[in-house]
PDB file of N, CA and C in Angstrom:
ATOM      1  N   MET A   1      22.275-126.373  31.416  1.00  0.00           N
ATOM      2  CA  MET A   1      22.986-126.074  30.237  1.00  0.00           C
ATOM      3  C   MET A   1      23.193-123.927  29.901  1.00  0.00           C
ATOM      4  N   HIS A   2      23.941-123.676  29.048  1.00  0.00           N
ATOM      5  CA  HIS A   2      22.847-122.523  28.961  1.00  0.00           C
ATOM      6  C   HIS A   2      23.059-122.157  26.785  1.00  0.00           C
ATOM      7  N   THR A   3      21.926-121.819  27.209  1.00  0.00           N
ATOM      8  CA  THR A   3      21.300-121.902  25.521  1.00  0.00           C
ATOM      9  C   THR A   3      21.879-120.323  24.764  1.00  0.00           C
ATOM     10  N   TYR A   4      22.333-120.019  24.441  1.00  0.00           N
ATOM     11  CA  TYR A   4      22.334-118.852  23.540  1.00  0.00           C
ATOM     12  C   TYR A   4      21.743-118.764  21.852  1.00  0.00           C
ATOM     13  N   THR A   5      20.469-117.846  22.406  1.00  0.00           N
ATOM     14  CA  THR A   5      19.921-116.922  21.052  1.00  0.00           C
ATOM     15  C   THR A   5      20.596-116.715  19.445  1.00  0.00           C
ATOM     16  N   VAL A   6      20.425-116.867  18.795  1.00  0.00           N
ATOM     17  CA  VAL A   6      20.947-116.276  17.521  1.00  0.00           C
ATOM     18  C   VAL A   6      19.768-115.895  16.897  1.00  0.00           C
ATOM     19  N   SER A   7      19.978-114.315  16.363  1.00  0.00           N
ATOM     20  CA  SER A   7      18.452-113.835  15.877  1.00  0.00           C
ATOM     21  C   SER A   7      19.169-113.084  14.747  1.00  0.00           C
ATOM     22  N   PHE A   8      18.268-113.147  13.011  1.00  0.00           N
ATOM     23  CA  PHE A   8      18.912-112.952  11.746  1.00  0.00           C
ATOM     24  C   PHE A   8      18.013-112.211  11.631  1.00  0.00           C
ATOM     25  N   PHE A   9      18.834-111.225  10.915  1.00  0.00           N
ATOM     26  CA  PHE A   9      17.085-109.862  10.353  1.00  0.00           C
ATOM     27  C   PHE A   9      18.164-109.223   9.304  1.00  0.00           C
ATOM     28  N   GLY A  10      17.665-109.205   8.086  1.00  0.00           N
ATOM     29  CA  GLY A  10      17.814-109.273   6.698  1.00  0.00           C
ATOM     30  C   GLY A  10      16.923-108.640   5.838  1.00  0.00           C
ATOM     31  N   HIS A  11      17.351-108.343   4.800  1.00  0.00           N
ATOM     32  CA  HIS A  11      16.547-107.790   3.227  1.00  0.00           C
ATOM     33  C   HIS A  11      16.802-108.698   2.645  1.00  0.00           C
ATOM     34  N   LYS A  12      15.165-108.939   1.461  1.00  0.00           N
ATOM     35  CA  LYS A  12      14.388-110.004   1.477  1.00  0.00           C
ATOM     36  C   LYS A  12      15.716-110.269  -0.230  1.00  0.00           C
ATOM     37  N   ARG A  13      16.423-109.192  -0.436  1.00  0.00           N
ATOM     38  CA  ARG A  13      17.552-108.440  -1.583  1.00  0.00           C
ATOM     39  C   ARG A  13      18.840-109.194  -0.982  1.00  0.00           C
ATOM     40  N   THR A  14      19.812-109.317  -1.516  1.00  0.00           N
ATOM     41  CA  THR A  14      21.583-109.820  -0.821  1.00  0.00           C
ATOM     42  C   THR A  14      22.460-108.685  -2.314  1.00  0.00           C
ATOM     43  N   GLY A  15      22.604-107.856  -2.481  1.00  0.00           N
ATOM     44  CA  GLY A  15      23.642-108.165  -3.413  1.00  0.00           C
ATOM     45  C   GLY A  15      24.811-108.557  -2.117  1.00  0.00           C
ATOM     46  N   ARG A  16      25.929-108.553  -3.441  1.00  0.00           N
ATOM     47  CA  ARG A  16      27.423-108.700  -2.668  1.00  0.00           C
ATOM     48  C   ARG A  16      26.726-110.085  -1.695  1.00  0.00           C
ATOM     49  N   SER A  17      26.557-110.357  -2.097  1.00  0.00           N
ATOM     50  CA  SER A  17      26.275-112.748  -0.886  1.00  0.00           C
ATOM     51  C   SER A  17      26.547-113.081  -0.788  1.00  0.00           C
ATOM     52  N   VAL A  18      28.456-113.239  -1.592  1.00  0.00           N
ATOM     53  CA  VAL A  18      29.280-113.610  -1.715  1.00  0.00           C
ATOM     54  C   VAL A  18      29.555-113.834  -0.197  1.00  0.00           C
ATOM     55  N   GLU A  19      30.470-112.271  -0.498  1.00  0.00           N
ATOM     56  CA  GLU A  19      30.836-111.420   0.631  1.00  0.00           C
ATOM     57  C   GLU A  19      30.203-111.884   2.561  1.00  0.00           C
ATOM     58  N   ILE A  20      28.525-111.385   2.217  1.00  0.00           N
ATOM     59  CA  ILE A  20      27.997-112.532   3.229  1.00  0.00           C
ATOM     60  C   ILE A  20      28.052-112.628   4.155  1.00  0.00           C
ATOM     61  N   GLU A  21      28.256-114.107   2.958  1.00  0.00           N
ATOM     62  CA  GLU A  21      27.730-115.668   3.430  1.00  0.00           C
ATOM     63  C   GLU A  21      29.213-116.105   3.677  1.00  0.00           C
ATOM     64  N   GLN A  22      30.429-115.302   3.361  1.00  0.00           N
ATOM     65  CA  GLN A  22      31.694-115.353   4.391  1.00  0.00           C
ATOM     66  C   GLN A  22      31.864-114.701   5.739  1.00  0.00           C
ATOM     67  N   ILE A  23      31.132-114.049   5.294  1.00  0.00           N
ATOM     68  CA  ILE A  23      31.043-113.343   7.157  1.00  0.00           C
ATOM     69  C   ILE A  23      30.450-113.983   7.449  1.00  0.00           C
ATOM     70  N   LEU A  24      29.248-114.876   7.345  1.00  0.00           N
ATOM     71  CA  LEU A  24      27.551-115.121   8.556  1.00  0.00           C
ATOM     72  C   LEU A  24      29.038-117.042   8.079  1.00  0.00           C
ATOM     73  N   GLU A  25      29.143-117.537   7.943  1.00  0.00           N
ATOM     74  CA  GLU A  25      30.110-118.250   8.105  1.00  0.00           C
ATOM     75  C   GLU A  25      30.933-118.647   9.239  1.00  0.00           C
ATOM     76  N   ARG A  26      32.189-117.147   8.604  1.00  0.00           N
ATOM     77  CA  ARG A  26      32.729-117.292  10.303  1.00  0.00           C
ATOM     78  C   ARG A  26      32.410-117.562  11.999  1.00  0.00           C
ATOM     79  N   VAL A  27      31.367-116.283  11.143  1.00  0.00           N
ATOM     80  CA  VAL A  27      30.777-116.084  12.894  1.00  0.00           C
ATOM     81  C   VAL A  27      29.475-117.656  12.878  1.00  0.00           C
ATOM     82  N   ILE A  28      29.456-117.539  12.533  1.00  0.00           N
ATOM     83  CA  ILE A  28      28.395-118.955  12.511  1.00  0.00           C
ATOM     84  C   ILE A  28      29.652-120.539  13.559  1.00  0.00           C
ATOM     85  N   ARG A  29      30.757-120.634  12.549  1.00  0.00           N
ATOM     86  CA  ARG A  29      31.705-121.757  12.685  1.00  0.00           C
ATOM     87  C   ARG A  29      32.617-121.278  14.260  1.00  0.00           C
ATOM     88  N   LYS A  30      31.865-119.673  14.196  1.00  0.00           N
ATOM     89  CA  LYS A  30      33.499-119.387  16.071  1.00  0.00           C
ATOM     90  C   LYS A  30      32.300-119.818  16.824  1.00  0.00           C
ATOM     91  N   LEU A  31      30.893-119.438  16.702  1.00  0.00           N
ATOM     92  CA  LEU A  31      29.652-119.411  17.544  1.00  0.00           C
ATOM     93  C   LEU A  31      29.692-120.840  17.638  1.00  0.00           C
ATOM     94  N   LEU A  32      29.791-122.322  16.492  1.00  0.00           N
ATOM     95  CA  LEU A  32      29.580-123.156  16.603  1.00  0.00           C
ATOM     96  C   LEU A  32      30.424-123.668  17.333  1.00  0.00           C
ATOM     97  N   ALA A  33      31.944-123.331  17.198  1.00  0.00           N
ATOM     98  CA  ALA A  33      33.155-123.981  18.185  1.00  0.00           C
ATOM     99  C   ALA A  33      33.012-122.929  19.600  1.00  0.00           C
ATOM    100  N   SER A  34      32.052-122.973  20.903  1.00  0.00           N
ATOM    101  CA  SER A  34      33.007-122.091  21.049  1.00  0.00           C
ATOM    102  C   SER A  34      31.535-122.126  21.907  1.00  0.00           C
ATOM    103  N   LYS A  35      30.341-122.030  22.227  1.00  0.00           N
ATOM    104  CA  LYS A  35      29.042-121.478  22.538  1.00  0.00           C
ATOM    105  C   LYS A  35      28.461-122.993  22.686  1.00  0.00           C
ATOM    106  N   GLU A  36      27.816-123.432  24.157  1.00  0.00           N
ATOM    107  CA  GLU A  36      27.654-124.578  24.364  1.00  0.00           C
ATOM    108  C   GLU A  36      26.166-125.132  24.032  1.00  0.00           C
ATOM    109  N   HIS A  37      24.977-124.108  23.288  1.00  0.00           N
ATOM    110  CA  HIS A  37      24.807-124.680  22.875  1.00  0.00           C
ATOM    111  C   HIS A  37      23.723-123.825  22.155  1.00  0.00           C
ATOM    112  N   LEU A  38      23.332-123.260  20.751  1.00  0.00           N
ATOM    113  CA  LEU A  38      22.987-122.747  20.208  1.00  0.00           C
ATOM    114  C   LEU A  38      21.212-122.676  19.581  1.00  0.00           C
ATOM    115  N   GLU A  39      20.907-121.600  19.701  1.00  0.00           N
ATOM    116  CA  GLU A  39      19.105-121.624  18.910  1.00  0.00           C
ATOM    117  C   GLU A  39      19.271-120.601  17.708  1.00  0.00           C
ATOM    118  N   PHE A  40      19.435-121.602  16.870  1.00  0.00           N
ATOM    119  CA  PHE A  40      19.563-120.395  14.926  1.00  0.00           C
ATOM    120  C   PHE A  40      18.606-120.081  14.677  1.00  0.00           C
ATOM    121  N   LEU A  41      17.810-118.517  14.848  1.00  0.00           N
ATOM    122  CA  LEU A  41      16.930-118.023  14.681  1.00  0.00           C
ATOM    123  C   LEU A  41      16.995-117.464  13.074  1.00  0.00           C
ATOM    124  N   VAL A  42      15.565-118.769  12.399  1.00  0.00           N
ATOM    125  CA  VAL A  42      15.894-117.023  10.881  1.00  0.00           C
ATOM    126  C   VAL A  42      13.802-117.412  10.355  1.00  0.00           C
ATOM    127  N   GLY A  43      14.089-116.429   9.871  1.00  0.00           N
ATOM    128  CA  GLY A  43      12.683-116.517   9.046  1.00  0.00           C
ATOM    129  C   GLY A  43      13.132-116.977   7.796  1.00  0.00           C
ATOM    130  N   ARG A  44      12.011-116.850   6.792  1.00  0.00           N
ATOM    131  CA  ARG A  44      12.046-117.132   5.144  1.00  0.00           C
ATOM    132  C   ARG A  44      11.304-116.304   3.983  1.00  0.00           C
ATOM    133  N   ASP A  45      11.863-114.958   4.228  1.00  0.00           N
ATOM    134  CA  ASP A  45      10.888-113.182   3.601  1.00  0.00           C
ATOM    135  C   ASP A  45      12.312-113.444   2.053  1.00  0.00           C
ATOM    136  N   GLY A  46      12.856-114.336   1.875  1.00  0.00           N
ATOM    137  CA  GLY A  46      13.458-114.225   1.115  1.00  0.00           C
ATOM    138  C   GLY A  46      15.548-114.609   1.176  1.00  0.00           C
ATOM    139  N   GLY A  47      16.499-113.991  -0.238  1.00  0.00           N
ATOM    140  CA  GLY A  47      17.287-114.044   0.223  1.00  0.00           C
ATOM    141  C   GLY A  47      18.266-114.372   1.169  1.00  0.00           C
ATOM    142  N   PHE A  48      18.641-113.587   1.705  1.00  0.00           N
ATOM    143  CA  PHE A  48      18.718-113.042   3.043  1.00  0.00           C
ATOM    144  C   PHE A  48      19.143-114.415   4.291  1.00  0.00           C
ATOM    145  N   ASP A  49      17.607-114.568   4.684  1.00  0.00           N
ATOM    146  CA  ASP A  49      17.063-115.543   4.942  1.00  0.00           C
ATOM    147  C   ASP A  49      17.038-117.093   4.461  1.00  0.00           C
ATOM    148  N   LEU A  50      17.208-117.413   3.657  1.00  0.00           N
ATOM    149  CA  LEU A  50      17.536-118.340   2.950  1.00  0.00           C
ATOM    150  C   LEU A  50      19.101-118.773   2.869  1.00  0.00           C
ATOM    151  N   LEU A  51      19.915-117.692   3.229  1.00  0.00           N
ATOM    152  CA  LEU A  51      21.759-118.134   2.915  1.00  0.00           C
ATOM    153  C   LEU A  51      22.182-117.987   4.159  1.00  0.00           C
ATOM    154  N   VAL A  52      21.123-117.612   4.838  1.00  0.00           N
ATOM    155  CA  VAL A  52      21.670-117.797   6.467  1.00  0.00           C
ATOM    156  C   VAL A  52      21.199-119.364   7.045  1.00  0.00           C
ATOM    157  N   ALA A  53      20.447-119.838   6.602  1.00  0.00           N
ATOM    158  CA  ALA A  53      19.452-121.053   6.965  1.00  0.00           C
ATOM    159  C   ALA A  53      20.477-122.236   6.092  1.00  0.00           C
ATOM    160  N   SER A  54      20.660-121.865   5.128  1.00  0.00           N
ATOM    161  CA  SER A  54      21.713-122.478   4.286  1.00  0.00           C
ATOM    162  C   SER A  54      22.960-122.812   5.144  1.00  0.00           C
ATOM    163  N   THR A  55      23.668-121.591   5.344  1.00  0.00           N
ATOM    164  CA  THR A  55      25.151-121.748   5.888  1.00  0.00           C
ATOM    165  C   THR A  55      25.072-122.375   7.698  1.00  0.00           C
ATOM    166  N   VAL A  56      24.014-121.741   7.984  1.00  0.00           N
ATOM    167  CA  VAL A  56      23.295-122.068   9.793  1.00  0.00           C
ATOM    168  C   VAL A  56      23.933-124.007   8.543  1.00  0.00           C
ATOM    169  N   ARG A  57      23.395-124.360   8.177  1.00  0.00           N
ATOM    170  CA  ARG A  57      22.963-126.048   8.157  1.00  0.00           C
ATOM    171  C   ARG A  57      24.612-126.810   7.821  1.00  0.00           C
ATOM    172  N   ARG A  58      24.962-126.137   6.639  1.00  0.00           N
ATOM    173  CA  ARG A  58      26.777-126.038   6.153  1.00  0.00           C
ATOM    174  C   ARG A  58      27.641-126.129   7.431  1.00  0.00           C
ATOM    175  N   CYS A  59      27.358-125.440   7.951  1.00  0.00           N
ATOM    176  CA  CYS A  59      28.088-125.042   9.737  1.00  0.00           C
ATOM    177  C   CYS A  59      27.388-126.116  10.424  1.00  0.00           C
ATOM    178  N   LYS A  60      26.923-126.635  10.539  1.00  0.00           N
ATOM    179  CA  LYS A  60      25.843-127.846  11.117  1.00  0.00           C
ATOM    180  C   LYS A  60      26.857-128.517  11.039  1.00  0.00           C
ATOM    181  N   ARG A  61      27.135-129.585   9.376  1.00  0.00           N
ATOM    182  CA  ARG A  61      27.712-130.602   8.740  1.00  0.00           C
ATOM    183  C   ARG A  61      29.580-130.339   9.141  1.00  0.00           C
ATOM    184  N   THR A  62      29.421-129.032   9.671  1.00  0.00           N
ATOM    185  CA  THR A  62      31.513-129.203   8.712  1.00  0.00           C
ATOM    186  C   THR A  62      32.279-129.221   9.990  1.00  0.00           C
ATOM    187  N   VAL A  63      31.457-128.851  11.094  1.00  0.00           N
ATOM    188  CA  VAL A  63      31.706-127.358  12.227  1.00  0.00           C
ATOM    189  C   VAL A  63      31.354-129.445  13.224  1.00  0.00           C
ATOM    190  N   ARG A  64      30.103-129.015  13.932  1.00  0.00           N
ATOM    191  CA  ARG A  64      29.662-129.823  14.654  1.00  0.00           C
ATOM    192  C   ARG A  64      28.087-129.283  14.936  1.00  0.00           C
ATOM    193  N   ASP A  65      27.186-130.419  14.904  1.00  0.00           N
ATOM    194  CA  ASP A  65      25.470-130.832  14.380  1.00  0.00           C
ATOM    195  C   ASP A  65      25.097-131.108  15.980  1.00  0.00           C
ATOM    196  N   ASP A  66      25.729-131.032  17.073  1.00  0.00           N
ATOM    197  CA  ASP A  66      25.635-132.218  18.297  1.00  0.00           C
ATOM    198  C   ASP A  66      25.382-130.411  19.327  1.00  0.00           C
ATOM    199  N   ASN A  67      25.171-129.494  19.262  1.00  0.00           N
ATOM    200  CA  ASN A  67      24.863-128.247  19.924  1.00  0.00           C
ATOM    201  C   ASN A  67      24.088-127.348  19.284  1.00  0.00           C
ATOM    202  N   SER A  68      23.465-127.807  18.504  1.00  0.00           N
ATOM    203  CA  SER A  68      22.734-126.286  18.414  1.00  0.00           C
ATOM    204  C   SER A  68      20.971-126.606  17.312  1.00  0.00           C
ATOM    205  N   VAL A  69      20.395-125.854  16.812  1.00  0.00           N
ATOM    206  CA  VAL A  69      19.126-126.090  16.342  1.00  0.00           C
ATOM    207  C   VAL A  69      18.549-124.474  15.752  1.00  0.00           C
ATOM    208  N   LEU A  70      18.658-125.468  14.255  1.00  0.00           N
ATOM    209  CA  LEU A  70      17.721-124.434  13.922  1.00  0.00           C
ATOM    210  C   LEU A  70      16.296-124.088  13.409  1.00  0.00           C
ATOM    211  N   ILE A  71      15.429-122.876  14.024  1.00  0.00           N
ATOM    212  CA  ILE A  71      14.460-122.664  13.740  1.00  0.00           C
ATOM    213  C   ILE A  71      14.309-121.660  12.807  1.00  0.00           C
ATOM    214  N   LEU A  72      12.928-122.119  12.429  1.00  0.00           N
ATOM    215  CA  LEU A  72      12.536-121.138  11.279  1.00  0.00           C
ATOM    216  C   LEU A  72      11.399-120.585  12.009  1.00  0.00           C
ATOM    217  N   VAL A  73      11.791-119.034  11.831  1.00  0.00           N
ATOM    218  CA  VAL A  73      10.665-118.578  12.998  1.00  0.00           C
ATOM    219  C   VAL A  73       8.852-117.902  11.630  1.00  0.00           C
ATOM    220  N   LEU A  74       8.069-118.242  12.081  1.00  0.00           N
ATOM    221  CA  LEU A  74       7.637-117.679  11.319  1.00  0.00           C
ATOM    222  C   LEU A  74       5.790-116.824  11.574  1.00  0.00           C
ATOM    223  N   PRO A  75       5.640-115.946  11.447  1.00  0.00           N
ATOM    224  CA  PRO A  75       4.597-114.848  12.287  1.00  0.00           C
ATOM    225  C   PRO A  75       2.917-115.610  11.771  1.00  0.00           C
ATOM    226  N   TYR A  76       3.215-116.278  10.561  1.00  0.00           N
ATOM    227  CA  TYR A  76       1.776-116.735  10.881  1.00  0.00           C
ATOM    228  C   TYR A  76       2.194-117.533   9.896  1.00  0.00           C
ATOM    229  N   VAL A  77       1.361-119.190   9.336  1.00  0.00           N
ATOM    230  CA  VAL A  77       0.749-119.898   8.200  1.00  0.00           C
ATOM    231  C   VAL A  77       1.058-119.689   7.467  1.00  0.00           C
ATOM    232  N   THR A  78       1.621-119.865   5.826  1.00  0.00           N
ATOM    233  CA  THR A  78       2.269-119.170   4.537  1.00  0.00           C
ATOM    234  C   THR A  78       1.288-120.586   3.650  1.00  0.00           C
ATOM    235  N   ALA A  79       1.025-119.848   2.840  1.00  0.00           N
ATOM    236  CA  ALA A  79       1.100-121.125   1.931  1.00  0.00           C
ATOM    237  C   ALA A  79       2.540-121.894   1.467  1.00  0.00           C
ATOM    238  N   GLU A  80       3.203-121.293   1.037  1.00  0.00           N
ATOM    239  CA  GLU A  80       4.565-121.617   1.366  1.00  0.00           C
ATOM    240  C   GLU A  80       4.794-122.760   1.601  1.00  0.00           C
ATOM    241  N   TYR A  81       4.520-122.853   3.126  1.00  0.00           N
ATOM    242  CA  TYR A  81       4.648-124.172   4.397  1.00  0.00           C
ATOM    243  C   TYR A  81       3.624-124.851   3.805  1.00  0.00           C
ATOM    244  N   THR A  82       2.267-124.943   3.893  1.00  0.00           N
ATOM    245  CA  THR A  82       0.718-125.418   3.716  1.00  0.00           C
ATOM    246  C   THR A  82       1.692-126.562   2.662  1.00  0.00           C
ATOM    247  N   ASN A  83       2.418-125.628   2.008  1.00  0.00           N
ATOM    248  CA  ASN A  83       2.325-126.738   0.565  1.00  0.00           C
ATOM    249  C   ASN A  83       3.240-127.004   0.737  1.00  0.00           C
ATOM    250  N   ASN A  84       4.208-126.745   1.521  1.00  0.00           N
ATOM    251  CA  ASN A  84       5.303-128.508   1.504  1.00  0.00           C
ATOM    252  C   ASN A  84       5.621-128.841   2.856  1.00  0.00           C
ATOM    253  N   GLU A  85       4.745-128.430   3.887  1.00  0.00           N
ATOM    254  CA  GLU A  85       5.730-128.650   5.565  1.00  0.00           C
ATOM    255  C   GLU A  85       5.986-129.836   5.772  1.00  0.00           C
ATOM    256  N   GLU A  86       6.133-130.894   4.733  1.00  0.00           N
ATOM    257  CA  GLU A  86       7.149-131.620   5.284  1.00  0.00           C
ATOM    258  C   GLU A  86       8.118-131.724   5.028  1.00  0.00           C
ATOM    259  N   SER A  87       8.971-130.528   3.685  1.00  0.00           N
ATOM    260  CA  SER A  87       9.823-130.436   3.367  1.00  0.00           C
ATOM    261  C   SER A  87      10.773-129.804   4.270  1.00  0.00           C
ATOM    262  N   PHE A  88       9.768-128.472   4.638  1.00  0.00           N
ATOM    263  CA  PHE A  88       9.693-127.212   6.077  1.00  0.00           C
ATOM    264  C   PHE A  88      11.517-128.281   7.445  1.00  0.00           C
ATOM    265  N   HIS A  89      10.114-129.859   7.450  1.00  0.00           N
ATOM    266  CA  HIS A  89      10.227-130.211   8.844  1.00  0.00           C
ATOM    267  C   HIS A  89      11.114-130.059   8.303  1.00  0.00           C
ATOM    268  N   ARG A  90      11.881-131.237   7.124  1.00  0.00           N
ATOM    269  CA  ARG A  90      13.149-131.950   6.937  1.00  0.00           C
ATOM    270  C   ARG A  90      14.028-130.986   6.791  1.00  0.00           C
ATOM    271  N   TYR A  91      14.506-129.461   6.795  1.00  0.00           N
ATOM    272  CA  TYR A  91      14.485-128.823   6.431  1.00  0.00           C
ATOM    273  C   TYR A  91      15.826-128.478   8.036  1.00  0.00           C
ATOM    274  N   TYR A  92      14.133-127.098   8.659  1.00  0.00           N
ATOM    275  CA  TYR A  92      14.729-126.457   9.818  1.00  0.00           C
ATOM    276  C   TYR A  92      14.511-127.816  11.050  1.00  0.00           C
ATOM    277  N   ASP A  93      15.229-128.437  11.863  1.00  0.00           N
ATOM    278  CA  ASP A  93      15.303-128.393  13.416  1.00  0.00           C
ATOM    279  C   ASP A  93      14.263-128.407  13.784  1.00  0.00           C
ATOM    280  N   GLU A  94      13.075-126.718  13.757  1.00  0.00           N
ATOM    281  CA  GLU A  94      12.440-126.777  14.545  1.00  0.00           C
ATOM    282  C   GLU A  94      11.320-125.918  13.788  1.00  0.00           C
ATOM    283  N   ILE A  95       9.916-125.726  14.101  1.00  0.00           N
ATOM    284  CA  ILE A  95       9.599-124.360  13.199  1.00  0.00           C
ATOM    285  C   ILE A  95       8.400-124.260  14.466  1.00  0.00           C
ATOM    286  N   GLU A  96       9.056-122.456  14.808  1.00  0.00           N
ATOM    287  CA  GLU A  96       7.547-122.284  15.373  1.00  0.00           C
ATOM    288  C   GLU A  96       6.790-120.981  14.789  1.00  0.00           C
ATOM    289  N   ILE A  97       5.752-121.527  14.941  1.00  0.00           N
ATOM    290  CA  ILE A  97       4.675-120.127  14.386  1.00  0.00           C
ATOM    291  C   ILE A  97       4.018-119.429  15.598  1.00  0.00           C
ATOM    292  N   CYS A  98       3.662-118.054  15.749  1.00  0.00           N
ATOM    293  CA  CYS A  98       2.593-117.636  16.214  1.00  0.00           C
ATOM    294  C   CYS A  98       1.641-117.914  16.441  1.00  0.00           C
ATOM    295  N   ASN A  99       0.948-118.075  16.972  1.00  0.00           N
ATOM    296  CA  ASN A  99      -0.664-118.937  17.649  1.00  0.00           C
ATOM    297  C   ASN A  99      -1.109-117.554  17.306  1.00  0.00           C
ATOM    298  N   ALA A 100      -1.005-116.447  18.241  1.00  0.00           N
ATOM    299  CA  ALA A 100      -1.589-115.180  18.103  1.00  0.00           C
ATOM    300  C   ALA A 100      -2.007-114.419  16.767  1.00  0.00           C
ATOM    301  N   SER A 101      -1.598-115.460  16.072  1.00  0.00           N
ATOM    302  CA  SER A 101      -1.723-114.055  15.244  1.00  0.00           C
ATOM    303  C   SER A 101      -1.695-114.933  13.441  1.00  0.00           C
ATOM    304  N   CYS A 102      -2.170-116.257  13.676  1.00  0.00           N
ATOM    305  CA  CYS A 102      -3.193-117.770  12.759  1.00  0.00           C
ATOM    306  C   CYS A 102      -3.935-116.865  12.437  1.00  0.00           C
ATOM    307  N   ASP A 103      -4.540-116.392  12.676  1.00  0.00           N
ATOM    308  CA  ASP A 103      -5.955-116.008  13.006  1.00  0.00           C
ATOM    309  C   ASP A 103      -6.229-115.231  11.634  1.00  0.00           C
ATOM    310  N   LYS A 104      -5.808-113.991  11.382  1.00  0.00           N
ATOM    311  CA  LYS A 104      -5.073-112.726  11.325  1.00  0.00           C
ATOM    312  C   LYS A 104      -4.895-112.769  10.049  1.00  0.00           C
ATOM    313  N   PHE A 105      -5.284-111.289   9.664  1.00  0.00           N
ATOM    314  CA  PHE A 105      -4.603-111.622   7.482  1.00  0.00           C
ATOM    315  C   PHE A 105      -3.696-110.734   7.592  1.00  0.00           C
ATOM    316  N   TYR A 106      -3.049-111.192   7.219  1.00  0.00           N
ATOM    317  CA  TYR A 106      -1.589-111.364   7.349  1.00  0.00           C
ATOM    318  C   TYR A 106      -0.860-109.441   7.000  1.00  0.00           C
ATOM    319  N   LYS A 107      -1.327-109.117   5.703  1.00  0.00           N
ATOM    320  CA  LYS A 107      -1.464-107.670   5.968  1.00  0.00           C
ATOM    321  C   LYS A 107      -1.802-106.520   7.269  1.00  0.00           C
ATOM    322  N   VAL A 108      -2.282-107.329   7.994  1.00  0.00           N
ATOM    323  CA  VAL A 108      -3.214-106.305   9.180  1.00  0.00           C
ATOM    324  C   VAL A 108      -1.643-107.081   9.938  1.00  0.00           C
ATOM    325  N   LEU A 109      -1.407-108.052  10.186  1.00  0.00           N
ATOM    326  CA  LEU A 109       0.226-108.146  11.164  1.00  0.00           C
ATOM    327  C   LEU A 109       0.589-107.072  10.881  1.00  0.00           C
ATOM    328  N   ILE A 110       1.338-106.655   9.875  1.00  0.00           N
ATOM    329  CA  ILE A 110       2.303-106.763   9.546  1.00  0.00           C
ATOM    330  C   ILE A 110       3.070-105.030   9.980  1.00  0.00           C
ATOM    331  N   SER A 111       1.192-103.935   9.414  1.00  0.00           N
ATOM    332  CA  SER A 111       1.090-102.541  10.197  1.00  0.00           C
ATOM    333  C   SER A 111       0.958-102.533  11.667  1.00  0.00           C
ATOM    334  N   THR A 112       1.109-104.239  12.301  1.00  0.00           N
ATOM    335  CA  THR A 112       0.380-103.672  13.828  1.00  0.00           C
ATOM    336  C   THR A 112       1.570-103.763  14.266  1.00  0.00           C
ATOM    337  N   GLU A 113       2.260-102.432  15.669  1.00  0.00           N
ATOM    338  CA  GLU A 113       2.247-101.562  16.015  1.00  0.00           C
ATOM    339  C   GLU A 113       3.038-103.246  16.887  1.00  0.00           C
ATOM    340  N   THR A 114       2.041-104.029  17.692  1.00  0.00           N
ATOM    341  CA  THR A 114       2.508-104.653  18.463  1.00  0.00           C
ATOM    342  C   THR A 114       2.003-106.037  18.131  1.00  0.00           C
ATOM    343  N   VAL A 115       2.892-107.614  18.145  1.00  0.00           N
ATOM    344  CA  VAL A 115       2.763-108.288  18.618  1.00  0.00           C
ATOM    345  C   VAL A 115       2.884-109.472  19.871  1.00  0.00           C
ATOM    346  N   ILE A 116       1.982-110.254  19.759  1.00  0.00           N
ATOM    347  CA  ILE A 116       1.950-110.917  20.700  1.00  0.00           C
ATOM    348  C   ILE A 116       3.045-112.492  20.348  1.00  0.00           C
ATOM    349  N   TRP A 117       4.559-112.644  20.891  1.00  0.00           N
ATOM    350  CA  TRP A 117       4.546-114.530  20.853  1.00  0.00           C
ATOM    351  C   TRP A 117       4.482-114.980  21.476  1.00  0.00           C
TER     352      TRP A 117
END
């Protein structure tokens, strides 16, 4: 089975959310209908990330949910994750946390040129 990985990057704030959501939905529906297996990688650092995750979940429900996984990718463990771990695991199919950065102060990680995954 061939797996396609789709990563989403965006800004914390999104103007034109409705337009962006329509574009995302069109692309995600097409991918779900045409690809053998997909990994959708998303973060959780603002409006765009949450918009993508909810659009992927909706498309999986309405198009096809047997050929894809929604994976939350975190560079380190956040307080939000720690305080809501159970609900995170219900919402996302998988969660990946970079172990190499777990013991580092988050502001150091942001300014580092190379992060080892």
